[in-house]
Amino acid sequence: MKEKIKKITNNKVLQQIVKTMFLRVLGVVTLFGFTLFLTNTYDPKIIGQYDFIRSYLLILGSICILGADQSIFYFTGMLKSSDQLGGLKEIYLKMVFLILVTCLISLALLFLISQNTINLFLNDDKIYIIILKATLLLFFYCLTILNTEVLRALESIYIAELFRNTFKYLSVIIGSILLFYIHKETFLVETFLIGFFFLSIISTVMIISIFNNKSIYKEVKKEEAISYRFIFFKSYPIAVSTLAIFLLMSFDVMFIKKYKGNEEVAFYSLAVKLMTLLLVVMNSVNITISPKIAELFFSKNLTDLSKTMRQSARMIFIISIPTVLFFCLFATQILTFFGEQYLKAKEPLIILMIGQGICSFFGGVQVYLNMTGRQNIFQVILIFAVVLNFFLNKTLIPIYGMTGGAISYVISMFAWNLIAAIIIYNKDKVKVFLT
């Protein structure tokens, strides 16, 4: 009977992974359709500016969100293992307050930095105003990211995926088309930013509705509530780790902008976006199993935990390798589809694809460490990787341009995946990598 129940559970997880992956691929198709429109109609300098602001939000947002978007799964697994899911609503509200505080602090710090300093550092006389607009809407961006993961934790998985991969780009897609026809393309960034205001409001209403209408999320006693301090100290190491990952994906863009200009950013960003197809596979699997990892770990069921990690690593690897081969073999044709000038990104694209394919061998090392209370360990590993990535980018990009950025990214990613996999095996004897 137990084996039958376990089989049904495994099939349900597999179905969720497949459906999640489908929705993420749909989001990627939407993103590439949008990218195709931009590369064939917009000036590369405007696209580079847009990609720069996306990177800016990824970095600053990962700081201000304090890791709450990932720690919500940790808390969900912890509360579920003790049948205390009623505490999730209060945790969510406290997370929103903490994010609001950090966003206001970020805005205050921006006002303390002179406009000339920022413009001079980035070699762009207009960049400060755009950064200011992004910072003003930062809270709504962070709230949208948090709400997307909370919806997943509340088991509204498919709605969460639509918010993550489709709705997020809806306003900027519609806006960019309108801007093109009225010849106001320079407002592309503003169109992108304003969408998060509406998404945050809509997703918040949905979450509050779920909390109020489902009895499983009933109120808990005051003495059982989880404090701000506990939430912060369990979340901020994840924030540091998330920031580190975004820095690994953003230092190259920053240095390419500084040394090569907005056009090079646009070319390189296309290669990075194509590489996200592999990240879609990895994240679809890891996000789906993350609450299960926390639940199995706190229940001390290491046998099923090890099995879950091996299965996820196998699935990631099997799907990733054909994708890598396809993009490497047909890189010229794919890039030409976006415009002849984007052929400059061929070499970086191949390097990024091969590197990410190699990293898929390690499965879900990130999600394992974050969901088993080893956030601090993962934080230290990624800080090392960020320092390595910074010096590699600073050294290689001025000489090799986009290719130097791609090499720096791949070396850094491989380093932290390898170190994390070794530490996990030494501590728990769990093989998260492909065997």
Protein backbone atom coordinates (compact mmCIF):
# COMPACT_ATOMS: atom_id res chain seq x y z
CA MET A 1 0.00 0.00 0.00
CA LYS A 2 2.85 2.40 0.90
CA GLU A 3 4.58 1.65 -2.41
CA LYS A 4 1.35 2.44 -4.27
CA ILE A 5 0.96 5.77 -2.47
CA LYS A 6 4.62 6.63 -3.16
CA LYS A 7 4.16 5.80 -6.86
CA ILE A 8 1.09 8.04 -7.09
CA THR A 9 3.01 10.86 -5.34
CA ASN A 10 5.98 10.48 -7.70
CA ASN A 11 3.67 10.54 -10.73
CA LYS A 12 2.02 13.71 -9.42
CA VAL A 13 5.41 15.41 -8.98
CA LEU A 14 6.43 14.31 -12.50
CA GLN A 15 3.19 15.70 -13.93
CA GLN A 16 3.76 19.00 -12.14
CA ILE A 17 7.32 19.20 -13.51
CA VAL A 18 6.13 18.52 -17.07
CA LYS A 19 3.28 21.06 -16.86
CA THR A 20 5.54 23.62 -15.22
CA MET A 21 8.12 23.09 -17.95
CA PHE A 22 5.46 23.51 -20.63
CA LEU A 23 4.32 26.83 -19.15
CA ARG A 24 7.93 27.99 -18.84
CA VAL A 25 8.64 27.06 -22.44
CA LEU A 26 5.51 29.02 -23.38
CA GLY A 27 6.98 31.97 -21.49
CA VAL A 28 10.31 31.56 -23.27
CA VAL A 29 8.55 31.45 -26.64
CA THR A 30 6.73 34.64 -25.68
CA LEU A 31 10.01 36.26 -24.64
CA PHE A 32 11.78 35.26 -27.85
CA GLY A 33 8.89 36.43 -29.97
CA PHE A 34 9.19 39.76 -28.19
CA THR A 35 12.98 39.74 -28.60
CA LEU A 36 12.58 39.01 -32.31
CA PHE A 37 10.26 42.00 -32.65
CA LEU A 38 12.68 44.27 -30.76
CA THR A 39 15.81 43.22 -32.65
CA ASN A 40 14.10 43.84 -36.00
CA THR A 41 12.43 47.16 -35.16
CA TYR A 42 14.29 48.92 -32.30
CA ASP A 43 17.69 50.55 -32.22
CA PRO A 44 20.21 48.23 -30.45
CA LYS A 45 21.09 51.13 -28.14
CA ILE A 46 17.50 51.25 -26.82
CA ILE A 47 17.46 47.46 -26.43
CA GLY A 48 20.78 47.63 -24.57
CA GLN A 49 19.31 50.24 -22.22
CA TYR A 50 16.29 47.99 -21.58
CA ASP A 51 18.53 44.95 -20.91
CA PHE A 52 20.68 47.03 -18.56
CA ILE A 53 17.64 48.02 -16.47
CA ARG A 54 16.51 44.40 -16.36
CA SER A 55 19.93 43.48 -14.93
CA TYR A 56 19.74 46.42 -12.50
CA LEU A 57 16.38 45.21 -11.18
CA LEU A 58 17.66 41.65 -10.88
CA ILE A 59 20.58 42.76 -8.74
CA LEU A 60 18.89 45.39 -6.54
CA GLY A 61 15.66 43.40 -6.35
CA SER A 62 17.53 40.32 -5.12
CA ILE A 63 18.91 42.43 -2.26
CA CYS A 64 15.63 44.06 -1.30
CA ILE A 65 13.54 40.91 -1.49
CA LEU A 66 15.78 39.41 1.24
CA GLY A 67 15.51 35.88 -0.15
CA ALA A 68 11.83 35.75 0.79
CA ASP A 69 10.87 34.45 -2.65
CA GLN A 70 12.86 31.26 -1.93
CA SER A 71 12.58 31.01 1.85
CA ILE A 72 8.77 30.88 1.52
CA PHE A 73 9.25 27.27 0.33
CA TYR A 74 11.49 26.56 3.32
CA PHE A 75 8.80 27.86 5.69
CA THR A 76 6.06 26.01 3.81
CA GLY A 77 7.91 22.70 4.10
CA MET A 78 8.73 23.33 7.76
CA LEU A 79 5.13 24.25 8.67
CA LYS A 80 3.68 21.41 6.62
CA SER A 81 5.85 18.81 8.36
CA SER A 82 4.41 19.96 11.71
CA ASP A 83 0.85 20.53 10.41
CA GLN A 84 1.05 24.28 11.11
CA LEU A 85 0.31 25.83 7.70
CA GLY A 86 -1.88 28.41 9.41
CA GLY A 87 1.25 30.43 10.14
CA LEU A 88 1.98 31.02 6.46
CA LYS A 89 -0.28 34.07 6.10
CA GLU A 90 1.46 35.97 8.89
CA ILE A 91 4.88 35.06 7.47
CA TYR A 92 3.83 36.45 4.09
CA LEU A 93 2.60 39.76 5.54
CA LYS A 94 5.81 40.18 7.54
CA MET A 95 7.86 39.48 4.42
CA VAL A 96 5.98 42.21 2.52
CA PHE A 97 6.73 44.71 5.29
CA LEU A 98 10.43 43.81 5.36
CA ILE A 99 10.65 44.22 1.57
CA LEU A 100 8.97 47.63 1.74
CA VAL A 101 11.54 48.79 4.29
CA THR A 102 14.52 47.61 2.20
CA CYS A 103 13.12 49.26 -0.96
CA LEU A 104 12.72 52.59 0.84
CA ILE A 105 16.30 52.30 2.12
CA SER A 106 17.50 51.67 -1.46
CA LEU A 107 15.69 54.77 -2.70
CA ALA A 108 17.22 56.86 0.09
CA LEU A 109 20.71 55.59 -0.74
CA LEU A 110 20.24 56.45 -4.42
CA PHE A 111 19.43 60.05 -3.50
CA LEU A 112 22.71 60.20 -1.54
CA ILE A 113 24.75 59.31 -4.63
CA SER A 114 25.31 62.18 -7.02
CA GLN A 115 23.81 62.01 -10.49
CA ASN A 116 27.15 62.87 -12.09
CA THR A 117 28.91 60.00 -10.33
CA ILE A 118 26.52 57.40 -11.76
CA ASN A 119 26.44 58.93 -15.24
CA LEU A 120 30.23 59.18 -15.34
CA PHE A 121 30.79 55.60 -14.13
CA LEU A 122 28.44 54.14 -16.75
CA ASN A 123 29.47 56.55 -19.52
CA ASP A 124 25.84 57.60 -20.12
CA ASP A 125 24.44 61.09 -19.45
CA LYS A 126 20.84 59.84 -19.25
CA ILE A 127 21.22 56.67 -17.21
CA TYR A 128 20.62 58.22 -13.74
CA ILE A 129 17.03 59.24 -14.56
CA ILE A 130 16.22 55.74 -15.79
CA ILE A 131 17.78 54.16 -12.70
CA LEU A 132 15.75 56.53 -10.50
CA LYS A 133 12.50 55.46 -12.19
CA ALA A 134 13.42 51.79 -11.73
CA THR A 135 14.17 52.35 -8.03
CA LEU A 136 10.86 54.18 -7.49
CA LEU A 137 9.01 51.11 -8.80
CA LEU A 138 11.34 48.62 -7.11
CA PHE A 139 8.86 47.65 -4.36
CA PHE A 140 6.22 46.64 -6.92
CA TYR A 141 8.83 44.62 -8.83
CA CYS A 142 9.89 42.79 -5.64
CA LEU A 143 6.29 42.23 -4.56
CA THR A 144 5.48 40.69 -7.95
CA ILE A 145 8.45 38.30 -7.64
CA LEU A 146 7.50 37.35 -4.06
CA ASN A 147 3.82 36.87 -4.94
CA THR A 148 4.71 34.59 -7.83
CA GLU A 149 6.51 32.20 -5.47
CA VAL A 150 3.84 32.51 -2.75
CA LEU A 151 1.21 31.45 -5.27
CA ARG A 152 3.33 28.38 -5.98
CA ALA A 153 3.67 27.67 -2.25
CA LEU A 154 -0.13 27.93 -1.99
CA GLU A 155 -0.30 25.26 -4.73
CA SER A 156 -1.57 27.64 -7.43
CA ILE A 157 1.35 26.36 -9.49
CA TYR A 158 0.11 27.09 -12.98
CA ILE A 159 -1.11 30.60 -12.16
CA ALA A 160 2.32 31.26 -10.64
CA GLU A 161 4.03 30.12 -13.84
CA LEU A 162 1.85 32.39 -15.96
CA PHE A 163 2.81 35.34 -13.75
CA ARG A 164 6.48 34.39 -13.89
CA ASN A 165 6.89 33.80 -17.60
CA THR A 166 4.00 35.36 -19.54
CA PHE A 167 2.16 38.09 -17.64
CA LYS A 168 5.49 39.68 -16.67
CA TYR A 169 6.17 40.56 -20.30
CA LEU A 170 2.60 41.30 -21.39
CA SER A 171 2.60 45.04 -20.69
CA VAL A 172 6.01 45.66 -22.26
CA ILE A 173 5.09 43.60 -25.35
CA ILE A 174 1.88 45.55 -25.93
CA GLY A 175 3.59 48.80 -25.00
CA SER A 176 6.55 48.25 -27.30
CA ILE A 177 4.25 47.67 -30.28
CA LEU A 178 2.31 50.86 -29.53
CA LEU A 179 5.53 52.83 -29.00
CA PHE A 180 6.87 51.64 -32.35
CA TYR A 181 3.78 52.79 -34.24
CA ILE A 182 3.66 56.20 -32.56
CA HIS A 183 7.46 56.61 -32.88
CA LYS A 184 8.14 56.84 -29.10
CA GLU A 185 10.55 53.90 -28.80
CA THR A 186 12.67 55.70 -26.19
CA PHE A 187 9.95 54.99 -23.56
CA LEU A 188 10.51 51.22 -23.72
CA VAL A 189 12.02 51.04 -20.23
CA GLU A 190 9.15 52.99 -18.64
CA THR A 191 6.64 50.64 -20.29
CA PHE A 192 8.51 47.66 -18.85
CA LEU A 193 8.58 49.14 -15.33
CA ILE A 194 4.93 50.21 -15.05
CA GLY A 195 3.74 46.66 -15.72
CA PHE A 196 5.02 45.52 -12.31
CA PHE A 197 2.74 48.00 -10.54
CA PHE A 198 -0.37 46.31 -11.95
CA LEU A 199 1.00 42.77 -11.60
CA SER A 200 1.81 43.31 -7.91
CA ILE A 201 -1.71 44.57 -7.15
CA ILE A 202 -3.46 41.73 -9.00
CA SER A 203 -1.28 38.98 -7.48
CA THR A 204 -1.63 40.38 -3.95
CA VAL A 205 -5.43 40.35 -4.20
CA MET A 206 -5.29 36.71 -5.36
CA ILE A 207 -3.04 35.66 -2.47
CA ILE A 208 -5.13 37.37 0.21
CA SER A 209 -8.21 35.73 -1.28
CA ILE A 210 -6.63 32.25 -1.00
CA PHE A 211 -5.57 32.87 2.60
CA ASN A 212 -9.06 34.06 3.57
CA ASN A 213 -11.02 31.33 1.76
CA LYS A 214 -9.04 28.17 2.56
CA SER A 215 -9.51 26.77 6.07
CA ILE A 216 -6.03 25.19 6.04
CA TYR A 217 -4.56 28.69 6.43
CA LYS A 218 -6.53 29.56 9.57
CA GLU A 219 -5.12 31.94 12.17
CA VAL A 220 -2.55 30.64 14.68
CA LYS A 221 -2.04 31.61 18.30
CA LYS A 222 0.15 34.66 18.95
CA GLU A 223 2.76 32.65 20.84
CA GLU A 224 3.10 30.28 17.87
CA ALA A 225 3.78 33.05 15.37
CA ILE A 226 7.18 33.24 13.68
CA SER A 227 9.04 36.47 14.44
CA TYR A 228 10.50 39.04 12.07
CA ARG A 229 13.93 38.10 13.39
CA PHE A 230 13.49 34.41 12.57
CA ILE A 231 12.19 35.21 9.07
CA PHE A 232 15.08 37.59 8.43
CA PHE A 233 17.84 35.24 9.60
CA LYS A 234 16.45 32.32 7.60
CA SER A 235 15.88 34.45 4.49
CA TYR A 236 18.82 36.82 4.21
CA PRO A 237 21.45 34.11 3.47
CA ILE A 238 19.24 33.09 0.54
CA ALA A 239 19.11 36.77 -0.48
CA VAL A 240 22.90 36.90 -0.49
CA SER A 241 23.02 33.67 -2.53
CA THR A 242 20.38 34.94 -4.98
CA LEU A 243 22.22 38.24 -5.30
CA ALA A 244 25.42 36.33 -5.97
CA ILE A 245 23.76 34.34 -8.77
CA PHE A 246 22.35 37.51 -10.34
CA LEU A 247 25.75 39.16 -10.06
CA LEU A 248 27.21 36.18 -11.86
CA MET A 249 24.67 36.84 -14.61
CA SER A 250 25.05 40.63 -14.52
CA PHE A 251 28.73 41.52 -14.03
CA ASP A 252 29.36 40.60 -17.65
CA VAL A 253 26.56 42.94 -18.82
CA MET A 254 27.86 45.75 -16.61
CA PHE A 255 31.44 45.43 -17.85
CA ILE A 256 30.40 45.02 -21.49
CA LYS A 257 28.36 48.23 -21.21
CA LYS A 258 31.29 50.04 -19.61
CA TYR A 259 33.96 48.90 -22.09
CA LYS A 260 32.01 48.14 -25.29
CA GLY A 261 28.72 50.13 -25.20
CA ASN A 262 24.96 49.48 -25.44
CA GLU A 263 25.10 47.70 -28.82
CA GLU A 264 27.42 45.00 -27.47
CA VAL A 265 25.08 44.61 -24.48
CA ALA A 266 22.19 43.96 -26.87
CA PHE A 267 24.17 41.30 -28.81
CA TYR A 268 25.44 39.54 -25.68
CA SER A 269 22.04 39.71 -23.95
CA LEU A 270 20.50 37.77 -26.84
CA ALA A 271 23.01 34.95 -26.26
CA VAL A 272 22.14 34.98 -22.55
CA LYS A 273 18.40 34.88 -23.31
CA LEU A 274 18.91 31.86 -25.58
CA MET A 275 20.85 30.17 -22.79
CA THR A 276 17.84 30.66 -20.48
CA LEU A 277 16.18 27.75 -22.28
CA LEU A 278 18.47 25.49 -20.25
CA LEU A 279 17.75 27.44 -17.08
CA VAL A 280 14.04 26.91 -17.77
CA VAL A 281 14.59 23.15 -17.63
CA MET A 282 16.63 23.29 -14.44
CA ASN A 283 14.38 25.76 -12.64
CA SER A 284 11.19 23.92 -13.64
CA VAL A 285 12.44 20.78 -11.94
CA ASN A 286 14.05 22.47 -8.92
CA ILE A 287 11.16 24.81 -8.12
CA THR A 288 8.67 21.94 -8.27
CA ILE A 289 10.60 19.70 -5.87
CA SER A 290 11.80 22.43 -3.45
CA PRO A 291 8.89 22.18 -0.92
CA LYS A 292 9.21 18.39 -1.08
CA ILE A 293 12.93 18.57 -0.29
CA ALA A 294 12.26 20.67 2.83
CA GLU A 295 9.45 18.35 3.93
CA LEU A 296 11.54 15.17 3.47
CA PHE A 297 14.57 16.70 5.18
CA PHE A 298 12.63 17.86 8.27
CA SER A 299 10.91 14.46 8.38
CA LYS A 300 14.42 12.89 8.31
CA ASN A 301 13.53 10.74 5.30
CA LEU A 302 16.98 10.82 3.70
CA THR A 303 16.33 7.74 1.54
CA ASP A 304 13.47 9.36 -0.38
CA LEU A 305 15.33 12.67 -0.34
CA SER A 306 18.36 11.12 -2.04
CA LYS A 307 16.13 9.38 -4.57
CA THR A 308 14.28 12.62 -5.37
CA MET A 309 17.55 14.47 -5.99
CA ARG A 310 18.92 11.74 -8.27
CA GLN A 311 15.73 11.63 -10.31
CA SER A 312 15.67 15.41 -10.72
CA ALA A 313 19.35 15.46 -11.79
CA ARG A 314 18.68 12.75 -14.37
CA MET A 315 15.69 14.61 -15.79
CA ILE A 316 17.60 17.90 -16.01
CA PHE A 317 20.54 16.28 -17.78
CA ILE A 318 18.48 14.26 -20.28
CA ILE A 319 16.52 17.32 -21.42
CA SER A 320 19.48 19.73 -21.37
CA ILE A 321 21.91 17.86 -23.61
CA PRO A 322 19.75 17.79 -26.79
CA THR A 323 19.06 21.50 -26.30
CA VAL A 324 22.79 22.24 -26.06
CA LEU A 325 23.55 20.25 -29.21
CA PHE A 326 20.76 21.95 -31.16
CA PHE A 327 21.93 25.47 -30.33
CA CYS A 328 25.59 24.70 -30.96
CA LEU A 329 24.93 23.07 -34.35
CA PHE A 330 22.50 25.72 -35.58
CA ALA A 331 23.88 28.83 -33.86
CA THR A 332 24.39 30.72 -37.13
CA GLN A 333 20.87 30.12 -38.40
CA ILE A 334 19.29 30.95 -35.04
CA LEU A 335 21.17 34.23 -34.61
CA THR A 336 20.60 35.28 -38.23
CA PHE A 337 16.89 34.93 -37.52
CA PHE A 338 17.23 37.90 -35.14
CA GLY A 339 19.24 39.96 -37.63
CA GLU A 340 22.62 39.68 -39.38
CA GLN A 341 24.33 41.96 -36.84
CA TYR A 342 23.53 39.49 -34.02
CA LEU A 343 25.92 36.93 -35.54
CA LYS A 344 28.53 38.66 -33.40
CA ALA A 345 27.08 36.73 -30.45
CA LYS A 346 27.76 33.27 -31.99
CA GLU A 347 30.92 32.46 -30.05
CA PRO A 348 29.54 33.63 -26.66
CA LEU A 349 26.32 31.66 -27.32
CA ILE A 350 28.18 28.39 -27.94
CA ILE A 351 30.38 28.89 -24.86
CA LEU A 352 27.37 29.68 -22.64
CA MET A 353 25.39 26.70 -23.93
CA ILE A 354 28.22 24.19 -23.42
CA GLY A 355 28.97 25.58 -19.96
CA GLN A 356 25.36 25.45 -18.83
CA GLY A 357 25.04 21.93 -20.24
CA ILE A 358 28.00 20.82 -18.12
CA CYS A 359 26.48 22.47 -15.04
CA SER A 360 23.22 20.52 -15.59
CA PHE A 361 25.20 17.43 -14.51
CA PHE A 362 25.04 18.70 -10.92
CA GLY A 363 21.25 18.81 -10.68
CA GLY A 364 19.70 20.88 -7.87
CA VAL A 365 22.60 21.74 -5.55
CA GLN A 366 21.24 25.25 -4.99
CA VAL A 367 17.73 24.23 -4.00
CA TYR A 368 19.03 21.39 -1.79
CA LEU A 369 21.23 23.66 0.33
CA ASN A 370 18.54 26.36 0.63
CA MET A 371 15.75 23.92 1.57
CA THR A 372 17.77 21.99 4.18
CA GLY A 373 18.88 24.91 6.34
CA ARG A 374 22.34 25.19 4.75
CA GLN A 375 21.72 28.69 3.40
CA ASN A 376 24.88 30.03 5.05
CA ILE A 377 27.06 27.40 3.41
CA PHE A 378 25.65 28.16 -0.02
CA GLN A 379 26.11 31.86 0.67
CA VAL A 380 29.85 31.41 1.29
CA ILE A 381 30.26 29.26 -1.84
CA LEU A 382 28.59 31.86 -4.03
CA ILE A 383 30.49 34.78 -2.54
CA PHE A 384 33.67 33.00 -3.62
CA ALA A 385 32.18 32.47 -7.11
CA VAL A 386 31.18 36.15 -7.38
CA VAL A 387 34.67 37.35 -6.47
CA LEU A 388 36.12 34.95 -9.04
CA ASN A 389 33.59 36.11 -11.65
CA PHE A 390 34.29 39.80 -10.99
CA PHE A 391 38.03 39.47 -11.55
CA LEU A 392 37.57 37.22 -14.59
CA ASN A 393 35.17 39.72 -16.20
CA LYS A 394 37.37 42.68 -15.34
CA THR A 395 40.36 40.92 -16.90
CA LEU A 396 38.81 39.23 -19.95
CA ILE A 397 36.08 41.61 -21.20
CA PRO A 398 38.38 44.57 -22.02
CA ILE A 399 40.48 42.14 -24.13
CA TYR A 400 37.97 39.63 -25.54
CA GLY A 401 34.65 41.49 -25.20
CA MET A 402 31.53 39.29 -25.18
CA THR A 403 33.57 36.08 -25.43
CA GLY A 404 35.44 37.04 -22.27
CA GLY A 405 32.13 37.56 -20.48
CA ALA A 406 30.87 34.13 -21.54
CA ILE A 407 34.09 32.40 -20.42
CA SER A 408 33.96 34.17 -17.05
CA TYR A 409 30.35 33.09 -16.49
CA VAL A 410 30.99 29.44 -17.35
CA ILE A 411 34.09 29.09 -15.15
CA SER A 412 32.31 30.67 -12.18
CA MET A 413 29.16 28.55 -12.57
CA PHE A 414 31.12 25.31 -12.83
CA ALA A 415 33.20 26.20 -9.76
CA TRP A 416 30.28 26.79 -7.40
CA ASN A 417 28.29 23.78 -8.64
CA LEU A 418 31.25 21.46 -8.12
CA ILE A 419 32.08 22.80 -4.64
CA ALA A 420 28.42 22.62 -3.53
CA ALA A 421 27.98 19.03 -4.78
CA ILE A 422 31.13 17.90 -2.92
CA ILE A 423 30.02 19.55 0.34
CA ILE A 424 26.51 18.04 0.15
CA TYR A 425 27.92 14.55 -0.39
CA ASN A 426 30.43 14.91 2.46
CA LYS A 427 27.76 16.15 4.90
CA ASP A 428 24.69 14.05 4.03
CA LYS A 429 26.02 11.34 1.66
CA VAL A 430 23.33 12.50 -0.78
CA LYS A 431 24.30 12.45 -4.44
CA VAL A 432 22.62 15.49 -5.99
CA PHE A 433 24.67 15.07 -9.16
CA LEU A 434 23.99 12.69 -12.05
CA THR A 435 25.06 9.06 -11.43
